Amino acid sequence: MTTVARHTLDDDAPANGVATLTVELATVVRNAGRSPLASGSTPTFDILGSPNATQQHAIEFLRQLKV
C-alpha cells in the first residue's frame, strides 16, 4: 500500500490513472500516407507513430483485459 500513497509503482516509476493514460494514448498518431508519385485515386496506407514507454505500457495493459 505504500506505493499507492506515494503514487509510484514498485520500480519507483510514476503511477498513472485511467484518465492520464487515456490522454497519453490519444497522442499516438495515425496518418494516412500516399506515394508522392501516385494519383489522387490511389488508396492510402496507414502510418502509425511509435508509442513511447508509457503508451506501450498502457497498450500492453489494455490487451490483457478480458471483456
Protein backbone atom coordinates (compact mmCIF):
# COMPACT_ATOMS: atom_id res chain seq x y z
CA MET A 1 0.00 0.00 0.00
CA THR A 2 2.91 2.35 0.37
CA THR A 3 3.24 2.57 -3.41
CA VAL A 4 -0.38 3.75 -3.61
CA ALA A 5 0.25 6.51 -1.10
CA ARG A 6 3.40 7.57 -2.97
CA HIS A 7 1.69 7.34 -6.40
CA THR A 8 4.55 5.23 -7.71
CA LEU A 9 4.98 1.69 -8.91
CA ASP A 10 7.29 -0.88 -7.33
CA ASP A 11 10.12 0.28 -9.60
CA ASP A 12 9.52 3.91 -8.45
CA ALA A 13 8.07 4.87 -11.83
CA PRO A 14 5.12 7.28 -11.54
CA ALA A 15 1.71 5.58 -11.36
CA ASN A 16 -0.87 6.71 -13.91
CA GLY A 17 -4.64 6.65 -13.64
CA VAL A 18 -7.04 5.73 -16.42
CA ALA A 19 -7.65 9.38 -17.34
CA THR A 20 -3.92 10.09 -17.59
CA LEU A 21 -3.30 7.01 -19.72
CA THR A 22 -6.23 7.89 -22.00
CA VAL A 23 -4.75 11.34 -22.63
CA GLU A 24 -1.33 9.78 -23.18
CA LEU A 25 -2.73 7.24 -25.67
CA ALA A 26 -4.52 9.99 -27.58
CA THR A 27 -1.14 11.33 -28.64
CA VAL A 28 -0.23 8.18 -30.60
CA VAL A 29 -0.91 9.30 -34.14
CA ARG A 30 -2.13 7.54 -37.23
CA ASN A 31 -1.54 9.31 -40.52
CA ALA A 32 -2.73 8.42 -43.99
CA GLY A 33 0.09 8.17 -46.49
CA ARG A 34 0.21 8.04 -50.25
CA SER A 35 3.20 7.87 -52.56
CA PRO A 36 4.04 11.30 -53.99
CA LEU A 37 4.03 9.74 -57.46
CA ALA A 38 0.57 8.18 -57.02
CA SER A 39 -2.60 9.65 -58.45
CA GLY A 40 -5.30 11.08 -56.19
CA SER A 41 -7.40 7.94 -56.63
CA THR A 42 -4.64 5.62 -55.38
CA PRO A 43 -5.58 4.12 -51.99
CA THR A 44 -3.80 5.44 -48.94
CA PHE A 45 -1.96 3.42 -46.31
CA ASP A 46 -1.78 3.97 -42.54
CA ILE A 47 1.39 5.11 -40.81
CA LEU A 48 1.22 4.58 -37.04
CA GLY A 49 3.58 6.56 -34.84
CA SER A 50 5.77 4.64 -32.41
CA PRO A 51 4.41 4.67 -28.84
CA ASN A 52 6.63 5.94 -26.03
CA ALA A 53 7.28 3.77 -22.96
CA THR A 54 4.17 4.94 -21.09
CA GLN A 55 1.96 4.44 -24.13
CA GLN A 56 3.42 0.99 -24.76
CA HIS A 57 2.75 0.01 -21.14
CA ALA A 58 -0.86 1.19 -21.46
CA ILE A 59 -1.34 -0.71 -24.73
CA GLU A 60 0.02 -3.91 -23.18
CA PHE A 61 -2.24 -3.43 -20.15
CA LEU A 62 -5.32 -2.94 -22.34
CA ARG A 63 -4.53 -6.05 -24.39
CA GLN A 64 -4.59 -8.12 -21.18
CA LEU A 65 -8.11 -7.01 -20.24
CA LYS A 66 -10.86 -9.55 -20.78
CA VAL A 67 -14.26 -8.13 -21.65
